[in-house]
Amino acid sequence: MFKDYLDYIYLSNPSYLDNSITGIGSVYTIHYQNRELPYTTSAQGKNLYQLIRKMYSELSERIGFSCYSYLDRKTFALNLENLKIKKCLTIDWGIGHTLQIGNIDTTGTAAGTISKKVIKKAIFELLEKNELYFFWYLNNGQRLNISSVINLFLKREGMEKFENYFFEVQTLSLYYTVIYIAIKDNHIVATGISCSPYRYESVKNAIAEAKIIYMFNRVTAKLDSQFLVDDPAD
């Protein structure tokens, strides 16, 4: 199974399974007429098995929201205030205004096999996006000092070489939303954000997300340079 998928995935350190592995690639492609539309997903896991599962989880999230929110299909909605379940249409949950829901400008998506964990993960992602608005536009939040624990997280991901900044925002809830920005030569090279019940868990996850983005940018730059070299037009 892994052999076929790994042909389409860039891995950070597949030889050392005791370290986290960052992967970027296409695990699913839509064929439409004469075109191929690959879904690019990325994740980080403790081993190849967990990495593939996380990449498929991200794929499920994207397909679940981007596709079904534009289709007129029947589904069910759970009201988190009264825990009641009602029938609705998938088209009612897209970005914008609907008569049933009202205005939807941010969303949280998650995929998994356990409902409670999926709901919790989706709520955390929704909080992340809204807390980011408060941080960016209203200057809410505070800067975190880089402690020995945070420095250890940075070293494990190979991100200690950058000029690193961490910010914590708790405008909407008591959960910890941590925003991480990595800078090199006065340019932002990677960012990460995470929300969780624990500060250091949010810090760790934000660094992991930034590592994925940093690796994605490096892979993209490498492929672009190869394309320019191999371009017959040149």
C-alpha atoms as a PDB file:
ATOM      1  CA  MET A   1       0.000   0.000   0.000  1.00  0.00           C
ATOM      2  CA  PHE A   2       2.659   2.504   1.052  1.00  0.00           C
ATOM      3  CA  LYS A   3       4.863   1.725  -1.951  1.00  0.00           C
ATOM      4  CA  ASP A   4       2.291   3.049  -4.430  1.00  0.00           C
ATOM      5  CA  TYR A   5       1.454   6.168  -2.415  1.00  0.00           C
ATOM      6  CA  LEU A   6       5.039   7.108  -1.599  1.00  0.00           C
ATOM      7  CA  ASP A   7       5.741   7.621  -5.310  1.00  0.00           C
ATOM      8  CA  TYR A   8       3.549  10.745  -5.076  1.00  0.00           C
ATOM      9  CA  ILE A   9       4.556  12.024  -1.629  1.00  0.00           C
ATOM     10  CA  TYR A  10       7.569  14.059  -0.548  1.00  0.00           C
ATOM     11  CA  LEU A  11       8.824  12.928   2.859  1.00  0.00           C
ATOM     12  CA  SER A  12      11.068  14.787   5.285  1.00  0.00           C
ATOM     13  CA  ASN A  13      12.878  11.937   7.040  1.00  0.00           C
ATOM     14  CA  PRO A  14      11.490   8.487   6.182  1.00  0.00           C
ATOM     15  CA  SER A  15      14.622   6.704   7.367  1.00  0.00           C
ATOM     16  CA  TYR A  16      14.222   7.670  11.008  1.00  0.00           C
ATOM     17  CA  LEU A  17      10.916   6.363  12.303  1.00  0.00           C
ATOM     18  CA  ASP A  18      11.539   7.615  15.839  1.00  0.00           C
ATOM     19  CA  ASN A  19      11.124  11.193  14.602  1.00  0.00           C
ATOM     20  CA  SER A  20       8.032  12.919  13.224  1.00  0.00           C
ATOM     21  CA  ILE A  21       7.653  12.550   9.465  1.00  0.00           C
ATOM     22  CA  THR A  22       6.303  15.403   7.378  1.00  0.00           C
ATOM     23  CA  GLY A  23       4.648  14.446   4.108  1.00  0.00           C
ATOM     24  CA  ILE A  24       3.268  16.435   1.172  1.00  0.00           C
ATOM     25  CA  GLY A  25       1.705  14.924  -1.901  1.00  0.00           C
ATOM     26  CA  SER A  26      -1.313  13.762  -3.824  1.00  0.00           C
ATOM     27  CA  VAL A  27      -3.196  10.714  -2.579  1.00  0.00           C
ATOM     28  CA  TYR A  28      -6.282  11.263  -4.713  1.00  0.00           C
ATOM     29  CA  THR A  29      -6.890  12.577  -8.236  1.00  0.00           C
ATOM     30  CA  ILE A  30     -10.154  13.533  -9.943  1.00  0.00           C
ATOM     31  CA  HIS A  31     -10.288  12.753 -13.670  1.00  0.00           C
ATOM     32  CA  TYR A  32     -12.521  15.177 -15.562  1.00  0.00           C
ATOM     33  CA  GLN A  33     -12.639  15.011 -19.371  1.00  0.00           C
ATOM     34  CA  ASN A  34      -8.977  15.311 -20.420  1.00  0.00           C
ATOM     35  CA  ARG A  35      -7.788  16.846 -17.178  1.00  0.00           C
ATOM     36  CA  GLU A  36      -6.382  15.483 -13.956  1.00  0.00           C
ATOM     37  CA  LEU A  37      -7.143  17.401 -10.768  1.00  0.00           C
ATOM     38  CA  PRO A  38      -4.912  16.167  -7.927  1.00  0.00           C
ATOM     39  CA  TYR A  39      -5.837  16.852  -4.315  1.00  0.00           C
ATOM     40  CA  THR A  40      -2.675  17.980  -2.566  1.00  0.00           C
ATOM     41  CA  THR A  41      -2.672  17.143   1.132  1.00  0.00           C
ATOM     42  CA  SER A  42      -0.055  17.456   3.846  1.00  0.00           C
ATOM     43  CA  ALA A  43       0.388  16.175   7.377  1.00  0.00           C
ATOM     44  CA  GLN A  44       2.857  15.110  10.018  1.00  0.00           C
ATOM     45  CA  GLY A  45       2.874  11.765  11.812  1.00  0.00           C
ATOM     46  CA  LYS A  46       4.953   9.586  14.108  1.00  0.00           C
ATOM     47  CA  ASN A  47       5.352   6.984  11.345  1.00  0.00           C
ATOM     48  CA  LEU A  48       4.308   6.351   7.751  1.00  0.00           C
ATOM     49  CA  TYR A  49       1.074   4.643   8.754  1.00  0.00           C
ATOM     50  CA  GLN A  50      -0.102   7.595  10.848  1.00  0.00           C
ATOM     51  CA  LEU A  51       1.065  10.032   8.172  1.00  0.00           C
ATOM     52  CA  ILE A  52      -1.032   8.379   5.444  1.00  0.00           C
ATOM     53  CA  ARG A  53      -4.090   8.294   7.727  1.00  0.00           C
ATOM     54  CA  LYS A  54      -3.731  12.004   8.514  1.00  0.00           C
ATOM     55  CA  MET A  55      -3.353  12.878   4.847  1.00  0.00           C
ATOM     56  CA  TYR A  56      -6.524  10.957   4.050  1.00  0.00           C
ATOM     57  CA  SER A  57      -8.247  12.725   6.928  1.00  0.00           C
ATOM     58  CA  GLU A  58      -7.370  16.099   5.419  1.00  0.00           C
ATOM     59  CA  LEU A  59      -8.568  14.868   2.042  1.00  0.00           C
ATOM     60  CA  SER A  60     -11.906  13.841   3.566  1.00  0.00           C
ATOM     61  CA  GLU A  61     -12.292  17.266   5.173  1.00  0.00           C
ATOM     62  CA  ARG A  62     -11.717  19.090   1.900  1.00  0.00           C
ATOM     63  CA  ILE A  63     -14.004  16.880  -0.124  1.00  0.00           C
ATOM     64  CA  GLY A  64     -16.655  16.952   2.590  1.00  0.00           C
ATOM     65  CA  PHE A  65     -16.805  20.737   2.699  1.00  0.00           C
ATOM     66  CA  SER A  66     -15.773  21.953  -0.753  1.00  0.00           C
ATOM     67  CA  CYS A  67     -17.858  19.424  -2.675  1.00  0.00           C
ATOM     68  CA  TYR A  68     -20.923  18.695  -0.576  1.00  0.00           C
ATOM     69  CA  SER A  69     -21.505  22.299   0.481  1.00  0.00           C
ATOM     70  CA  TYR A  70     -22.221  23.124  -3.164  1.00  0.00           C
ATOM     71  CA  LEU A  71     -24.513  20.134  -3.739  1.00  0.00           C
ATOM     72  CA  ASP A  72     -28.193  19.879  -2.948  1.00  0.00           C
ATOM     73  CA  ARG A  73     -28.071  16.722  -0.851  1.00  0.00           C
ATOM     74  CA  LYS A  74     -29.837  15.670   2.319  1.00  0.00           C
ATOM     75  CA  THR A  75     -27.794  15.463   5.504  1.00  0.00           C
ATOM     76  CA  PHE A  76     -28.111  16.001   9.261  1.00  0.00           C
ATOM     77  CA  ALA A  77     -27.056  18.892  11.511  1.00  0.00           C
ATOM     78  CA  LEU A  78     -26.293  18.735  15.235  1.00  0.00           C
ATOM     79  CA  ASN A  79     -27.174  21.808  17.326  1.00  0.00           C
ATOM     80  CA  LEU A  80     -24.414  22.052  19.947  1.00  0.00           C
ATOM     81  CA  GLU A  81     -26.590  24.146  22.291  1.00  0.00           C
ATOM     82  CA  ASN A  82     -29.472  21.698  22.704  1.00  0.00           C
ATOM     83  CA  LEU A  83     -27.834  18.596  21.108  1.00  0.00           C
ATOM     84  CA  LYS A  84     -30.793  18.152  18.777  1.00  0.00           C
ATOM     85  CA  ILE A  85     -30.324  16.622  15.341  1.00  0.00           C
ATOM     86  CA  LYS A  86     -32.365  17.815  12.385  1.00  0.00           C
ATOM     87  CA  LYS A  87     -32.483  17.157   8.674  1.00  0.00           C
ATOM     88  CA  CYS A  88     -31.081  19.776   6.305  1.00  0.00           C
ATOM     89  CA  LEU A  89     -29.439  20.220   2.914  1.00  0.00           C
ATOM     90  CA  THR A  90     -25.695  20.321   2.334  1.00  0.00           C
ATOM     91  CA  ILE A  91     -26.074  23.476   0.230  1.00  0.00           C
ATOM     92  CA  ASP A  92     -27.154  25.342   3.391  1.00  0.00           C
ATOM     93  CA  TRP A  93     -23.644  25.037   4.851  1.00  0.00           C
ATOM     94  CA  GLY A  94     -21.511  26.790   2.268  1.00  0.00           C
ATOM     95  CA  ILE A  95     -19.700  30.097   2.730  1.00  0.00           C
ATOM     96  CA  GLY A  96     -22.054  33.049   2.370  1.00  0.00           C
ATOM     97  CA  HIS A  97     -25.680  33.697   3.294  1.00  0.00           C
ATOM     98  CA  THR A  98     -28.456  31.120   3.514  1.00  0.00           C
ATOM     99  CA  LEU A  99     -32.029  31.433   4.720  1.00  0.00           C
ATOM    100  CA  GLN A 100     -31.700  28.489   7.095  1.00  0.00           C
ATOM    101  CA  ILE A 101     -28.408  29.419   8.777  1.00  0.00           C
ATOM    102  CA  GLY A 102     -27.726  33.090   8.109  1.00  0.00           C
ATOM    103  CA  ASN A 103     -24.251  34.442   7.340  1.00  0.00           C
ATOM    104  CA  ILE A 104     -21.375  31.957   7.344  1.00  0.00           C
ATOM    105  CA  ASP A 105     -17.943  33.574   7.021  1.00  0.00           C
ATOM    106  CA  THR A 106     -15.724  31.026   8.798  1.00  0.00           C
ATOM    107  CA  THR A 107     -15.897  27.276   9.166  1.00  0.00           C
ATOM    108  CA  GLY A 108     -14.222  24.468  11.051  1.00  0.00           C
ATOM    109  CA  THR A 109     -13.867  21.064   9.417  1.00  0.00           C
ATOM    110  CA  ALA A 110     -12.710  17.706  10.736  1.00  0.00           C
ATOM    111  CA  ALA A 111     -12.788  14.044   9.747  1.00  0.00           C
ATOM    112  CA  GLY A 112     -12.532  10.901  11.806  1.00  0.00           C
ATOM    113  CA  THR A 113     -14.271   7.806  13.127  1.00  0.00           C
ATOM    114  CA  ILE A 114     -15.319   9.053  16.589  1.00  0.00           C
ATOM    115  CA  SER A 115     -18.041  11.723  16.622  1.00  0.00           C
ATOM    116  CA  LYS A 116     -16.974  13.458  19.852  1.00  0.00           C
ATOM    117  CA  LYS A 117     -13.385  13.857  18.669  1.00  0.00           C
ATOM    118  CA  VAL A 118     -14.450  15.071  15.232  1.00  0.00           C
ATOM    119  CA  ILE A 119     -16.802  17.704  16.691  1.00  0.00           C
ATOM    120  CA  LYS A 120     -14.123  18.885  19.114  1.00  0.00           C
ATOM    121  CA  LYS A 121     -11.534  19.163  16.370  1.00  0.00           C
ATOM    122  CA  ALA A 122     -13.918  21.120  14.134  1.00  0.00           C
ATOM    123  CA  ILE A 123     -14.701  23.551  16.969  1.00  0.00           C
ATOM    124  CA  PHE A 124     -11.001  24.122  17.622  1.00  0.00           C
ATOM    125  CA  GLU A 125     -10.416  24.903  13.946  1.00  0.00           C
ATOM    126  CA  LEU A 126     -13.350  27.324  13.942  1.00  0.00           C
ATOM    127  CA  LEU A 127     -11.885  29.083  16.996  1.00  0.00           C
ATOM    128  CA  GLU A 128      -8.456  29.267  15.343  1.00  0.00           C
ATOM    129  CA  LYS A 129      -9.787  31.143  12.319  1.00  0.00           C
ATOM    130  CA  ASN A 130     -11.809  33.633  14.353  1.00  0.00           C
ATOM    131  CA  GLU A 131      -9.073  34.220  16.927  1.00  0.00           C
ATOM    132  CA  LEU A 132      -6.707  34.938  14.029  1.00  0.00           C
ATOM    133  CA  TYR A 133      -9.047  37.726  12.891  1.00  0.00           C
ATOM    134  CA  PHE A 134      -8.933  39.303  16.350  1.00  0.00           C
ATOM    135  CA  PHE A 135      -5.139  39.003  16.425  1.00  0.00           C
ATOM    136  CA  TRP A 136      -4.512  40.365  12.939  1.00  0.00           C
ATOM    137  CA  TYR A 137      -7.092  43.153  12.733  1.00  0.00           C
ATOM    138  CA  LEU A 138      -7.544  44.203  16.379  1.00  0.00           C
ATOM    139  CA  ASN A 139      -4.093  43.377  17.807  1.00  0.00           C
ATOM    140  CA  ASN A 140      -5.632  41.100  20.427  1.00  0.00           C
ATOM    141  CA  GLY A 141      -3.466  38.610  22.271  1.00  0.00           C
ATOM    142  CA  GLN A 142      -0.052  38.585  23.863  1.00  0.00           C
ATOM    143  CA  ARG A 143       3.429  37.524  22.855  1.00  0.00           C
ATOM    144  CA  LEU A 144       4.847  34.376  24.427  1.00  0.00           C
ATOM    145  CA  ASN A 145       8.426  34.132  25.596  1.00  0.00           C
ATOM    146  CA  ILE A 146      10.375  31.230  24.127  1.00  0.00           C
ATOM    147  CA  SER A 147      10.912  28.933  27.097  1.00  0.00           C
ATOM    148  CA  SER A 148      13.182  25.890  27.238  1.00  0.00           C
ATOM    149  CA  VAL A 149      10.167  23.687  26.422  1.00  0.00           C
ATOM    150  CA  ILE A 150       9.248  25.735  23.337  1.00  0.00           C
ATOM    151  CA  ASN A 151      12.884  25.753  22.262  1.00  0.00           C
ATOM    152  CA  LEU A 152      12.907  21.953  22.496  1.00  0.00           C
ATOM    153  CA  PHE A 153       9.827  21.764  20.266  1.00  0.00           C
ATOM    154  CA  LEU A 154      11.562  24.030  17.742  1.00  0.00           C
ATOM    155  CA  LYS A 155      14.705  21.890  17.692  1.00  0.00           C
ATOM    156  CA  ARG A 156      12.720  18.697  17.158  1.00  0.00           C
ATOM    157  CA  GLU A 157      11.181  20.226  14.035  1.00  0.00           C
ATOM    158  CA  GLY A 158      14.416  21.858  12.865  1.00  0.00           C
ATOM    159  CA  MET A 159      12.871  25.329  13.157  1.00  0.00           C
ATOM    160  CA  GLU A 160      15.219  26.783  15.783  1.00  0.00           C
ATOM    161  CA  LYS A 161      17.397  28.313  13.037  1.00  0.00           C
ATOM    162  CA  PHE A 162      14.794  30.988  12.322  1.00  0.00           C
ATOM    163  CA  GLU A 163      13.749  34.160  14.109  1.00  0.00           C
ATOM    164  CA  ASN A 164      10.712  32.806  15.915  1.00  0.00           C
ATOM    165  CA  TYR A 165       7.680  34.570  17.406  1.00  0.00           C
ATOM    166  CA  PHE A 166       4.734  33.127  19.303  1.00  0.00           C
ATOM    167  CA  PHE A 167       1.445  34.832  20.162  1.00  0.00           C
ATOM    168  CA  GLU A 168      -1.452  33.627  22.294  1.00  0.00           C
ATOM    169  CA  VAL A 169      -5.053  34.740  21.776  1.00  0.00           C
ATOM    170  CA  GLN A 170      -8.030  33.987  24.039  1.00  0.00           C
ATOM    171  CA  THR A 171     -10.666  36.463  22.894  1.00  0.00           C
ATOM    172  CA  LEU A 172     -13.504  34.021  22.278  1.00  0.00           C
ATOM    173  CA  SER A 173     -12.786  31.205  24.737  1.00  0.00           C
ATOM    174  CA  LEU A 174     -10.473  29.974  27.469  1.00  0.00           C
ATOM    175  CA  TYR A 175      -8.802  27.583  25.049  1.00  0.00           C
ATOM    176  CA  TYR A 176      -5.290  28.488  23.946  1.00  0.00           C
ATOM    177  CA  THR A 177      -4.936  29.650  20.356  1.00  0.00           C
ATOM    178  CA  VAL A 178      -1.239  29.993  19.549  1.00  0.00           C
ATOM    179  CA  ILE A 179       0.055  31.705  16.414  1.00  0.00           C
ATOM    180  CA  TYR A 180       3.617  30.964  15.329  1.00  0.00           C
ATOM    181  CA  ILE A 181       5.629  33.030  12.833  1.00  0.00           C
ATOM    182  CA  ALA A 182       9.085  32.051  11.539  1.00  0.00           C
ATOM    183  CA  ILE A 183      11.224  34.735   9.902  1.00  0.00           C
ATOM    184  CA  LYS A 184      14.474  34.579   7.928  1.00  0.00           C
ATOM    185  CA  ASP A 185      16.234  37.606   6.417  1.00  0.00           C
ATOM    186  CA  ASN A 186      13.216  39.821   7.238  1.00  0.00           C
ATOM    187  CA  HIS A 187      10.856  37.513   5.325  1.00  0.00           C
ATOM    188  CA  ILE A 188       8.173  35.241   6.745  1.00  0.00           C
ATOM    189  CA  VAL A 189       9.104  31.687   5.753  1.00  0.00           C
ATOM    190  CA  ALA A 190       6.383  29.789   7.630  1.00  0.00           C
ATOM    191  CA  THR A 191       3.404  30.269   9.920  1.00  0.00           C
ATOM    192  CA  GLY A 192       1.345  27.959  12.078  1.00  0.00           C
ATOM    193  CA  ILE A 193      -1.739  28.189  14.263  1.00  0.00           C
ATOM    194  CA  SER A 194      -3.368  25.782  16.700  1.00  0.00           C
ATOM    195  CA  CYS A 195      -6.104  25.803  19.339  1.00  0.00           C
ATOM    196  CA  SER A 196      -6.313  23.295  22.200  1.00  0.00           C
ATOM    197  CA  PRO A 197      -7.081  23.127  25.939  1.00  0.00           C
ATOM    198  CA  TYR A 198      -3.348  23.249  26.745  1.00  0.00           C
ATOM    199  CA  ARG A 199      -0.853  25.989  25.918  1.00  0.00           C
ATOM    200  CA  TYR A 200       2.133  23.783  25.101  1.00  0.00           C
ATOM    201  CA  GLU A 201      -0.005  21.445  23.021  1.00  0.00           C
ATOM    202  CA  SER A 202      -1.074  24.435  20.937  1.00  0.00           C
ATOM    203  CA  VAL A 203       2.552  25.572  20.644  1.00  0.00           C
ATOM    204  CA  LYS A 204       3.694  22.124  19.544  1.00  0.00           C
ATOM    205  CA  ASN A 205       0.921  21.781  16.951  1.00  0.00           C
ATOM    206  CA  ALA A 206       1.507  25.306  15.609  1.00  0.00           C
ATOM    207  CA  ILE A 207       5.194  24.516  15.076  1.00  0.00           C
ATOM    208  CA  ALA A 208       4.300  21.250  13.323  1.00  0.00           C
ATOM    209  CA  GLU A 209       1.919  23.111  10.990  1.00  0.00           C
ATOM    210  CA  ALA A 210       4.591  25.689  10.203  1.00  0.00           C
ATOM    211  CA  LYS A 211       7.057  22.883   9.432  1.00  0.00           C
ATOM    212  CA  ILE A 212       4.606  21.462   6.904  1.00  0.00           C
ATOM    213  CA  ILE A 213       4.181  24.884   5.267  1.00  0.00           C
ATOM    214  CA  TYR A 214       7.949  25.450   5.199  1.00  0.00           C
ATOM    215  CA  MET A 215       8.531  22.074   3.579  1.00  0.00           C
ATOM    216  CA  PHE A 216       5.698  22.682   1.090  1.00  0.00           C
ATOM    217  CA  ASN A 217       7.272  26.011   0.050  1.00  0.00           C
ATOM    218  CA  ARG A 218      10.667  24.363  -0.407  1.00  0.00           C
ATOM    219  CA  VAL A 219       9.243  21.531  -2.507  1.00  0.00           C
ATOM    220  CA  THR A 220       7.254  23.998  -4.612  1.00  0.00           C
ATOM    221  CA  ALA A 221      10.323  26.189  -5.187  1.00  0.00           C
ATOM    222  CA  LYS A 222      12.350  23.122  -6.173  1.00  0.00           C
ATOM    223  CA  LEU A 223       9.734  21.949  -8.654  1.00  0.00           C
ATOM    224  CA  ASP A 224       9.406  25.450 -10.108  1.00  0.00           C
ATOM    225  CA  SER A 225      13.158  25.666 -10.663  1.00  0.00           C
ATOM    226  CA  GLN A 226      13.179  22.254 -12.380  1.00  0.00           C
ATOM    227  CA  PHE A 227      10.308  23.328 -14.609  1.00  0.00           C
ATOM    228  CA  LEU A 228      12.156  26.479 -15.663  1.00  0.00           C
ATOM    229  CA  VAL A 229      15.321  24.505 -16.431  1.00  0.00           C
ATOM    230  CA  ASP A 230      13.472  21.833 -18.412  1.00  0.00           C
ATOM    231  CA  ASP A 231      11.161  24.249 -20.224  1.00  0.00           C
ATOM    232  CA  PRO A 232      11.819  23.872 -23.997  1.00  0.00           C
ATOM    233  CA  ALA A 233      10.693  27.458 -24.525  1.00  0.00           C
ATOM    234  CA  ASP A 234      13.872  28.625 -22.839  1.00  0.00           C
END
